Amino acid sequence: MFERLPLLDVTDAAITLAAALVSGQALPAQAAQDALHIAVACVHGMEYLLTWNCAHLANARLRGCIEHICRNAGYIPPIICTPEELEG
């Protein structure tokens, strides 16, 4: 099933957005890779970002700030949720 999924490139736009997510305090500096994960999905227009990382990604307390920074950068943020949330 996963073999059919496209790989998304880490673009300059994604790197810039990831830096904005950290500098805007949507995510802590130690979660820079998580910020890049969000940014890659965002700049490629993904509707959903599925994760089991509830510390920094699927975290309701961080969601508003993440979405605000993505929208201010001109992107529509993906819906970040766990696979179980998407199924239910």
PDB file of N, CA and C in Angstrom:
ATOM      1  N   MET A   1       0.818  -1.183   0.000  1.00  0.00           N
ATOM      2  CA  MET A   1       0.000   0.000   0.000  1.00  0.00           C
ATOM      3  C   MET A   1       0.871   1.261   0.000  1.00  0.00           C
ATOM      4  N   PHE A   2       1.923   1.276   0.818  1.00  0.00           N
ATOM      5  CA  PHE A   2       2.751   2.470   0.929  1.00  0.00           C
ATOM      6  C   PHE A   2       3.629   2.692  -0.292  1.00  0.00           C
ATOM      7  N   GLU A   3       3.871   1.669  -1.064  1.00  0.00           N
ATOM      8  CA  GLU A   3       4.707   1.806  -2.258  1.00  0.00           C
ATOM      9  C   GLU A   3       4.093   2.756  -3.275  1.00  0.00           C
ATOM     10  N   ARG A   4       2.782   2.903  -3.256  1.00  0.00           N
ATOM     11  CA  ARG A   4       2.094   3.778  -4.211  1.00  0.00           C
ATOM     12  C   ARG A   4       2.077   5.239  -3.787  1.00  0.00           C
ATOM     13  N   LEU A   5       2.467   5.513  -2.556  1.00  0.00           N
ATOM     14  CA  LEU A   5       2.432   6.889  -2.069  1.00  0.00           C
ATOM     15  C   LEU A   5       3.645   7.666  -2.580  1.00  0.00           C
ATOM     16  N   PRO A   6       3.435   8.903  -3.005  1.00  0.00           N
ATOM     17  CA  PRO A   6       4.563   9.696  -3.486  1.00  0.00           C
ATOM     18  C   PRO A   6       5.426  10.184  -2.319  1.00  0.00           C
ATOM     19  N   LEU A   7       6.706  10.361  -2.588  1.00  0.00           N
ATOM     20  CA  LEU A   7       7.606  10.970  -1.617  1.00  0.00           C
ATOM     21  C   LEU A   7       7.595  12.477  -1.845  1.00  0.00           C
ATOM     22  N   LEU A   8       7.538  13.226  -0.776  1.00  0.00           N
ATOM     23  CA  LEU A   8       7.484  14.681  -0.877  1.00  0.00           C
ATOM     24  C   LEU A   8       8.886  15.250  -0.671  1.00  0.00           C
ATOM     25  N   ASP A   9       9.251  16.199  -1.514  1.00  0.00           N
ATOM     26  CA  ASP A   9      10.568  16.819  -1.433  1.00  0.00           C
ATOM     27  C   ASP A   9      10.624  17.837  -0.300  1.00  0.00           C
ATOM     28  N   VAL A  10      11.796  17.932   0.310  1.00  0.00           N
ATOM     29  CA  VAL A  10      12.067  18.991   1.282  1.00  0.00           C
ATOM     30  C   VAL A  10      12.545  20.185   0.463  1.00  0.00           C
ATOM     31  N   THR A  11      11.679  21.144   0.280  1.00  0.00           N
ATOM     32  CA  THR A  11      11.975  22.311  -0.550  1.00  0.00           C
ATOM     33  C   THR A  11      12.466  23.470   0.320  1.00  0.00           C
ATOM     34  N   ASP A  12      12.981  24.505  -0.341  1.00  0.00           N
ATOM     35  CA  ASP A  12      13.376  25.712   0.380  1.00  0.00           C
ATOM     36  C   ASP A  12      12.174  26.321   1.100  1.00  0.00           C
ATOM     37  N   ALA A  13      11.009  26.265   0.470  1.00  0.00           N
ATOM     38  CA  ALA A  13       9.794  26.800   1.089  1.00  0.00           C
ATOM     39  C   ALA A  13       9.457  26.033   2.369  1.00  0.00           C
ATOM     40  N   ALA A  14       9.637  24.729   2.343  1.00  0.00           N
ATOM     41  CA  ALA A  14       9.364  23.918   3.532  1.00  0.00           C
ATOM     42  C   ALA A  14      10.351  24.241   4.654  1.00  0.00           C
ATOM     43  N   ILE A  15      11.604  24.417   4.299  1.00  0.00           N
ATOM     44  CA  ILE A  15      12.620  24.756   5.299  1.00  0.00           C
ATOM     45  C   ILE A  15      12.305  26.115   5.930  1.00  0.00           C
ATOM     46  N   THR A  16      11.894  27.066   5.107  1.00  0.00           N
ATOM     47  CA  THR A  16      11.534  28.397   5.611  1.00  0.00           C
ATOM     48  C   THR A  16      10.327  28.322   6.533  1.00  0.00           C
ATOM     49  N   LEU A  17       9.317  27.549   6.143  1.00  0.00           N
ATOM     50  CA  LEU A  17       8.125  27.413   6.978  1.00  0.00           C
ATOM     51  C   LEU A  17       8.460  26.702   8.285  1.00  0.00           C
ATOM     52  N   ALA A  18       9.289  25.688   8.230  1.00  0.00           N
ATOM     53  CA  ALA A  18       9.690  24.974   9.446  1.00  0.00           C
ATOM     54  C   ALA A  18      10.394  25.924  10.408  1.00  0.00           C
ATOM     55  N   ALA A  19      11.268  26.766   9.876  1.00  0.00           N
ATOM     56  CA  ALA A  19      11.961  27.751  10.716  1.00  0.00           C
ATOM     57  C   ALA A  19      10.957  28.721  11.341  1.00  0.00           C
ATOM     58  N   ALA A  20       9.931  29.107  10.585  1.00  0.00           N
ATOM     59  CA  ALA A  20       8.905  30.006  11.109  1.00  0.00           C
ATOM     60  C   ALA A  20       8.098  29.334  12.217  1.00  0.00           C
ATOM     61  N   LEU A  21       7.842  28.045  12.077  1.00  0.00           N
ATOM     62  CA  LEU A  21       7.108  27.316  13.111  1.00  0.00           C
ATOM     63  C   LEU A  21       7.889  27.290  14.420  1.00  0.00           C
ATOM     64  N   VAL A  22       9.204  27.151  14.317  1.00  0.00           N
ATOM     65  CA  VAL A  22      10.036  27.145  15.526  1.00  0.00           C
ATOM     66  C   VAL A  22      10.206  28.556  16.073  1.00  0.00           C
ATOM     67  N   SER A  23      10.533  29.510  15.204  1.00  0.00           N
ATOM     68  CA  SER A  23      10.745  30.880  15.686  1.00  0.00           C
ATOM     69  C   SER A  23       9.459  31.506  16.214  1.00  0.00           C
ATOM     70  N   GLY A  24       8.327  31.076  15.683  1.00  0.00           N
ATOM     71  CA  GLY A  24       7.027  31.557  16.153  1.00  0.00           C
ATOM     72  C   GLY A  24       6.520  30.816  17.374  1.00  0.00           C
ATOM     73  N   GLN A  25       7.337  29.903  17.873  1.00  0.00           N
ATOM     74  CA  GLN A  25       7.074  29.130  19.090  1.00  0.00           C
ATOM     75  C   GLN A  25       5.864  28.207  18.984  1.00  0.00           C
ATOM     76  N   ALA A  26       5.536  27.811  17.766  1.00  0.00           N
ATOM     77  CA  ALA A  26       4.505  26.789  17.602  1.00  0.00           C
ATOM     78  C   ALA A  26       5.051  25.435  18.045  1.00  0.00           C
ATOM     79  N   LEU A  27       6.356  25.266  17.858  1.00  0.00           N
ATOM     80  CA  LEU A  27       7.059  24.055  18.291  1.00  0.00           C
ATOM     81  C   LEU A  27       8.377  24.474  18.926  1.00  0.00           C
ATOM     82  N   PRO A  28       8.862  23.720  19.917  1.00  0.00           N
ATOM     83  CA  PRO A  28      10.146  24.058  20.526  1.00  0.00           C
ATOM     84  C   PRO A  28      11.308  23.726  19.586  1.00  0.00           C
ATOM     85  N   ALA A  29      12.446  24.350  19.823  1.00  0.00           N
ATOM     86  CA  ALA A  29      13.619  24.159  18.966  1.00  0.00           C
ATOM     87  C   ALA A  29      14.029  22.688  18.867  1.00  0.00           C
ATOM     88  N   GLN A  30      13.871  21.940  19.945  1.00  0.00           N
ATOM     89  CA  GLN A  30      14.257  20.524  19.906  1.00  0.00           C
ATOM     90  C   GLN A  30      13.311  19.692  19.027  1.00  0.00           C
ATOM     91  N   ALA A  31      12.221  20.286  18.585  1.00  0.00           N
ATOM     92  CA  ALA A  31      11.267  19.603  17.703  1.00  0.00           C
ATOM     93  C   ALA A  31      11.368  20.131  16.272  1.00  0.00           C
ATOM     94  N   ALA A  32      12.549  20.579  15.869  1.00  0.00           N
ATOM     95  CA  ALA A  32      12.735  21.142  14.524  1.00  0.00           C
ATOM     96  C   ALA A  32      12.398  20.133  13.435  1.00  0.00           C
ATOM     97  N   GLN A  33      12.692  18.860  13.645  1.00  0.00           N
ATOM     98  CA  GLN A  33      12.349  17.844  12.642  1.00  0.00           C
ATOM     99  C   GLN A  33      10.835  17.680  12.528  1.00  0.00           C
ATOM    100  N   ASP A  34      10.140  17.810  13.651  1.00  0.00           N
ATOM    101  CA  ASP A  34       8.677  17.754  13.623  1.00  0.00           C
ATOM    102  C   ASP A  34       8.120  18.959  12.863  1.00  0.00           C
ATOM    103  N   ALA A  35       8.740  20.125  13.067  1.00  0.00           N
ATOM    104  CA  ALA A  35       8.314  21.323  12.334  1.00  0.00           C
ATOM    105  C   ALA A  35       8.515  21.119  10.835  1.00  0.00           C
ATOM    106  N   LEU A  36       9.617  20.498  10.457  1.00  0.00           N
ATOM    107  CA  LEU A  36       9.867  20.231   9.035  1.00  0.00           C
ATOM    108  C   LEU A  36       8.845  19.246   8.482  1.00  0.00           C
ATOM    109  N   HIS A  37       8.457  18.279   9.268  1.00  0.00           N
ATOM    110  CA  HIS A  37       7.439  17.303   8.862  1.00  0.00           C
ATOM    111  C   HIS A  37       6.130  18.022   8.533  1.00  0.00           C
ATOM    112  N   ILE A  38       5.716  18.918   9.418  1.00  0.00           N
ATOM    113  CA  ILE A  38       4.506  19.712   9.186  1.00  0.00           C
ATOM    114  C   ILE A  38       4.673  20.576   7.936  1.00  0.00           C
ATOM    115  N   ALA A  39       5.810  21.241   7.836  1.00  0.00           N
ATOM    116  CA  ALA A  39       6.047  22.178   6.736  1.00  0.00           C
ATOM    117  C   ALA A  39       6.044  21.478   5.380  1.00  0.00           C
ATOM    118  N   VAL A  40       6.655  20.314   5.295  1.00  0.00           N
ATOM    119  CA  VAL A  40       6.671  19.578   4.017  1.00  0.00           C
ATOM    120  C   VAL A  40       5.248  19.223   3.610  1.00  0.00           C
ATOM    121  N   ALA A  41       4.463  18.717   4.556  1.00  0.00           N
ATOM    122  CA  ALA A  41       3.064  18.380   4.237  1.00  0.00           C
ATOM    123  C   ALA A  41       2.289  19.624   3.821  1.00  0.00           C
ATOM    124  N   CYS A  42       2.548  20.713   4.496  1.00  0.00           N
ATOM    125  CA  CYS A  42       1.825  21.960   4.239  1.00  0.00           C
ATOM    126  C   CYS A  42       2.144  22.530   2.859  1.00  0.00           C
ATOM    127  N   VAL A  43       3.417  22.678   2.539  1.00  0.00           N
ATOM    128  CA  VAL A  43       3.769  23.303   1.259  1.00  0.00           C
ATOM    129  C   VAL A  43       3.396  22.427   0.069  1.00  0.00           C
ATOM    130  N   HIS A  44       3.248  21.138   0.283  1.00  0.00           N
ATOM    131  CA  HIS A  44       2.838  20.238  -0.802  1.00  0.00           C
ATOM    132  C   HIS A  44       1.313  20.076  -0.862  1.00  0.00           C
ATOM    133  N   GLY A  45       0.609  20.805  -0.007  1.00  0.00           N
ATOM    134  CA  GLY A  45      -0.845  20.801  -0.084  1.00  0.00           C
ATOM    135  C   GLY A  45      -1.517  19.529   0.393  1.00  0.00           C
ATOM    136  N   MET A  46      -0.893  18.836   1.317  1.00  0.00           N
ATOM    137  CA  MET A  46      -1.497  17.614   1.840  1.00  0.00           C
ATOM    138  C   MET A  46      -2.701  17.968   2.711  1.00  0.00           C
ATOM    139  N   GLU A  47      -3.772  17.235   2.559  1.00  0.00           N
ATOM    140  CA  GLU A  47      -4.982  17.500   3.328  1.00  0.00           C
ATOM    141  C   GLU A  47      -4.837  17.004   4.766  1.00  0.00           C
ATOM    142  N   TYR A  48      -4.140  15.876   4.945  1.00  0.00           N
ATOM    143  CA  TYR A  48      -3.948  15.285   6.263  1.00  0.00           C
ATOM    144  C   TYR A  48      -2.476  14.987   6.500  1.00  0.00           C
ATOM    145  N   LEU A  49      -2.085  15.065   7.770  1.00  0.00           N
ATOM    146  CA  LEU A  49      -0.781  14.608   8.222  1.00  0.00           C
ATOM    147  C   LEU A  49      -1.067  13.648   9.363  1.00  0.00           C
ATOM    148  N   LEU A  50      -0.850  12.359   9.111  1.00  0.00           N
ATOM    149  CA  LEU A  50      -1.118  11.337  10.122  1.00  0.00           C
ATOM    150  C   LEU A  50       0.140  11.085  10.927  1.00  0.00           C
ATOM    151  N   THR A  51      -0.031  10.979  12.236  1.00  0.00           N
ATOM    152  CA  THR A  51       1.110  10.780  13.115  1.00  0.00           C
ATOM    153  C   THR A  51       0.663  10.156  14.423  1.00  0.00           C
ATOM    154  N   TRP A  52       1.600   9.463  15.066  1.00  0.00           N
ATOM    155  CA  TRP A  52       1.376   9.002  16.431  1.00  0.00           C
ATOM    156  C   TRP A  52       2.146   9.891  17.403  1.00  0.00           C
ATOM    157  N   ASN A  53       2.779  10.940  16.893  1.00  0.00           N
ATOM    158  CA  ASN A  53       3.527  11.883  17.717  1.00  0.00           C
ATOM    159  C   ASN A  53       2.545  12.902  18.303  1.00  0.00           C
ATOM    160  N   CYS A  54       2.115  12.636  19.513  1.00  0.00           N
ATOM    161  CA  CYS A  54       1.152  13.533  20.162  1.00  0.00           C
ATOM    162  C   CYS A  54       1.836  14.583  21.030  1.00  0.00           C
ATOM    163  N   ALA A  55       3.157  14.499  21.150  1.00  0.00           N
ATOM    164  CA  ALA A  55       3.885  15.497  21.932  1.00  0.00           C
ATOM    165  C   ALA A  55       3.958  16.826  21.183  1.00  0.00           C
ATOM    166  N   HIS A  56       4.237  16.763  19.879  1.00  0.00           N
ATOM    167  CA  HIS A  56       4.425  17.996  19.120  1.00  0.00           C
ATOM    168  C   HIS A  56       3.541  18.111  17.886  1.00  0.00           C
ATOM    169  N   LEU A  57       3.106  17.014  17.326  1.00  0.00           N
ATOM    170  CA  LEU A  57       2.351  17.103  16.071  1.00  0.00           C
ATOM    171  C   LEU A  57       0.848  17.054  16.306  1.00  0.00           C
ATOM    172  N   ALA A  58       0.341  15.951  16.759  1.00  0.00           N
ATOM    173  CA  ALA A  58      -1.108  15.819  17.006  1.00  0.00           C
ATOM    174  C   ALA A  58      -1.400  16.291  18.426  1.00  0.00           C
ATOM    175  N   ASN A  59      -1.184  17.567  18.658  1.00  0.00           N
ATOM    176  CA  ASN A  59      -1.311  18.143  19.993  1.00  0.00           C
ATOM    177  C   ASN A  59      -2.295  19.317  19.916  1.00  0.00           C
ATOM    178  N   ALA A  60      -3.420  19.169  20.551  1.00  0.00           N
ATOM    179  CA  ALA A  60      -4.477  20.188  20.470  1.00  0.00           C
ATOM    180  C   ALA A  60      -4.024  21.542  21.010  1.00  0.00           C
ATOM    181  N   ARG A  61      -3.115  21.551  21.994  1.00  0.00           N
ATOM    182  CA  ARG A  61      -2.639  22.826  22.557  1.00  0.00           C
ATOM    183  C   ARG A  61      -1.760  23.592  21.585  1.00  0.00           C
ATOM    184  N   LEU A  62      -1.096  22.899  20.671  1.00  0.00           N
ATOM    185  CA  LEU A  62      -0.202  23.546  19.709  1.00  0.00           C
ATOM    186  C   LEU A  62      -0.890  23.840  18.378  1.00  0.00           C
ATOM    187  N   ARG A  63      -2.003  23.191  18.118  1.00  0.00           N
ATOM    188  CA  ARG A  63      -2.668  23.246  16.809  1.00  0.00           C
ATOM    189  C   ARG A  63      -2.968  24.660  16.336  1.00  0.00           C
ATOM    190  N   GLY A  64      -3.524  25.490  17.196  1.00  0.00           N
ATOM    191  CA  GLY A  64      -3.899  26.839  16.789  1.00  0.00           C
ATOM    192  C   GLY A  64      -2.710  27.660  16.327  1.00  0.00           C
ATOM    193  N   CYS A  65      -1.621  27.599  17.044  1.00  0.00           N
ATOM    194  CA  CYS A  65      -0.415  28.351  16.675  1.00  0.00           C
ATOM    195  C   CYS A  65       0.191  27.804  15.384  1.00  0.00           C
ATOM    196  N   ILE A  66       0.214  26.482  15.239  1.00  0.00           N
ATOM    197  CA  ILE A  66       0.729  25.868  14.008  1.00  0.00           C
ATOM    198  C   ILE A  66      -0.088  26.350  12.814  1.00  0.00           C
ATOM    199  N   GLU A  67      -1.404  26.276  12.934  1.00  0.00           N
ATOM    200  CA  GLU A  67      -2.282  26.688  11.836  1.00  0.00           C
ATOM    201  C   GLU A  67      -2.137  28.173  11.527  1.00  0.00           C
ATOM    202  N   HIS A  68      -2.012  28.996  12.546  1.00  0.00           N
ATOM    203  CA  HIS A  68      -1.863  30.439  12.361  1.00  0.00           C
ATOM    204  C   HIS A  68      -0.590  30.759  11.563  1.00  0.00           C
ATOM    205  N   ILE A  69       0.508  30.146  11.938  1.00  0.00           N
ATOM    206  CA  ILE A  69       1.780  30.406  11.248  1.00  0.00           C
ATOM    207  C   ILE A  69       1.723  29.909   9.803  1.00  0.00           C
ATOM    208  N   CYS A  70       1.148  28.745   9.582  1.00  0.00           N
ATOM    209  CA  CYS A  70       1.026  28.227   8.216  1.00  0.00           C
ATOM    210  C   CYS A  70       0.161  29.148   7.358  1.00  0.00           C
ATOM    211  N   ARG A  71      -0.958  29.595   7.892  1.00  0.00           N
ATOM    212  CA  ARG A  71      -1.852  30.484   7.139  1.00  0.00           C
ATOM    213  C   ARG A  71      -1.200  31.838   6.869  1.00  0.00           C
ATOM    214  N   ASN A  72      -0.468  32.368   7.851  1.00  0.00           N
ATOM    215  CA  ASN A  72       0.234  33.638   7.650  1.00  0.00           C
ATOM    216  C   ASN A  72       1.313  33.535   6.572  1.00  0.00           C
ATOM    217  N   ALA A  73       1.818  32.330   6.369  1.00  0.00           N
ATOM    218  CA  ALA A  73       2.822  32.107   5.328  1.00  0.00           C
ATOM    219  C   ALA A  73       2.173  31.842   3.966  1.00  0.00           C
ATOM    220  N   GLY A  74       0.840  31.826   3.934  1.00  0.00           N
ATOM    221  CA  GLY A  74       0.127  31.648   2.671  1.00  0.00           C
ATOM    222  C   GLY A  74      -0.270  30.225   2.348  1.00  0.00           C
ATOM    223  N   TYR A  75      -0.244  29.347   3.340  1.00  0.00           N
ATOM    224  CA  TYR A  75      -0.579  27.934   3.112  1.00  0.00           C
ATOM    225  C   TYR A  75      -1.833  27.553   3.879  1.00  0.00           C
ATOM    226  N   ILE A  76      -2.480  26.506   3.405  1.00  0.00           N
ATOM    227  CA  ILE A  76      -3.575  25.892   4.139  1.00  0.00           C
ATOM    228  C   ILE A  76      -2.959  24.730   4.915  1.00  0.00           C
ATOM    229  N   PRO A  77      -3.010  24.779   6.241  1.00  0.00           N
ATOM    230  CA  PRO A  77      -2.367  23.715   7.016  1.00  0.00           C
ATOM    231  C   PRO A  77      -3.105  22.397   6.874  1.00  0.00           C
ATOM    232  N   PRO A  78      -2.361  21.291   6.938  1.00  0.00           N
ATOM    233  CA  PRO A  78      -3.027  19.987   6.906  1.00  0.00           C
ATOM    234  C   PRO A  78      -3.732  19.735   8.230  1.00  0.00           C
ATOM    235  N   ILE A  79      -4.680  18.848   8.204  1.00  0.00           N
ATOM    236  CA  ILE A  79      -5.306  18.381   9.438  1.00  0.00           C
ATOM    237  C   ILE A  79      -4.344  17.364  10.037  1.00  0.00           C
ATOM    238  N   ILE A  80      -3.855  17.671  11.226  1.00  0.00           N
ATOM    239  CA  ILE A  80      -2.881  16.791  11.879  1.00  0.00           C
ATOM    240  C   ILE A  80      -3.630  15.940  12.884  1.00  0.00           C
ATOM    241  N   CYS A  81      -3.569  14.619  12.693  1.00  0.00           N
ATOM    242  CA  CYS A  81      -4.291  13.727  13.588  1.00  0.00           C
ATOM    243  C   CYS A  81      -3.644  12.347  13.594  1.00  0.00           C
ATOM    244  N   THR A  82      -4.071  11.536  14.538  1.00  0.00           N
ATOM    245  CA  THR A  82      -3.597  10.156  14.591  1.00  0.00           C
ATOM    246  C   THR A  82      -4.410   9.321  13.595  1.00  0.00           C
ATOM    247  N   PRO A  83      -3.878   8.198  13.165  1.00  0.00           N
ATOM    248  CA  PRO A  83      -4.655   7.332  12.262  1.00  0.00           C
ATOM    249  C   PRO A  83      -5.990   6.930  12.867  1.00  0.00           C
ATOM    250  N   GLU A  84      -6.011   6.720  14.172  1.00  0.00           N
ATOM    251  CA  GLU A  84      -7.265   6.343  14.838  1.00  0.00           C
ATOM    252  C   GLU A  84      -8.292   7.461  14.753  1.00  0.00           C
ATOM    253  N   GLU A  85      -7.861   8.695  14.890  1.00  0.00           N
ATOM    254  CA  GLU A  85      -8.785   9.827  14.780  1.00  0.00           C
ATOM    255  C   GLU A  85      -9.371   9.921  13.374  1.00  0.00           C
ATOM    256  N   LEU A  86      -8.559   9.637  12.374  1.00  0.00           N
ATOM    257  CA  LEU A  86      -9.047   9.707  11.003  1.00  0.00           C
ATOM    258  C   LEU A  86     -10.045   8.590  10.728  1.00  0.00           C
ATOM    259  N   GLU A  87      -9.788   7.415  11.266  1.00  0.00           N
ATOM    260  CA  GLU A  87     -10.702   6.284  11.086  1.00  0.00           C
ATOM    261  C   GLU A  87     -12.040   6.531  11.746  1.00  0.00           C
ATOM    262  N   GLY A  88     -12.001   7.085  12.963  1.00  0.00           N
ATOM    263  CA  GLY A  88     -13.208   7.228  13.780  1.00  0.00           C
ATOM    264  C   GLY A  88     -14.110   8.267  13.262  1.00  0.00           C
TER     265      GLY A  88
END
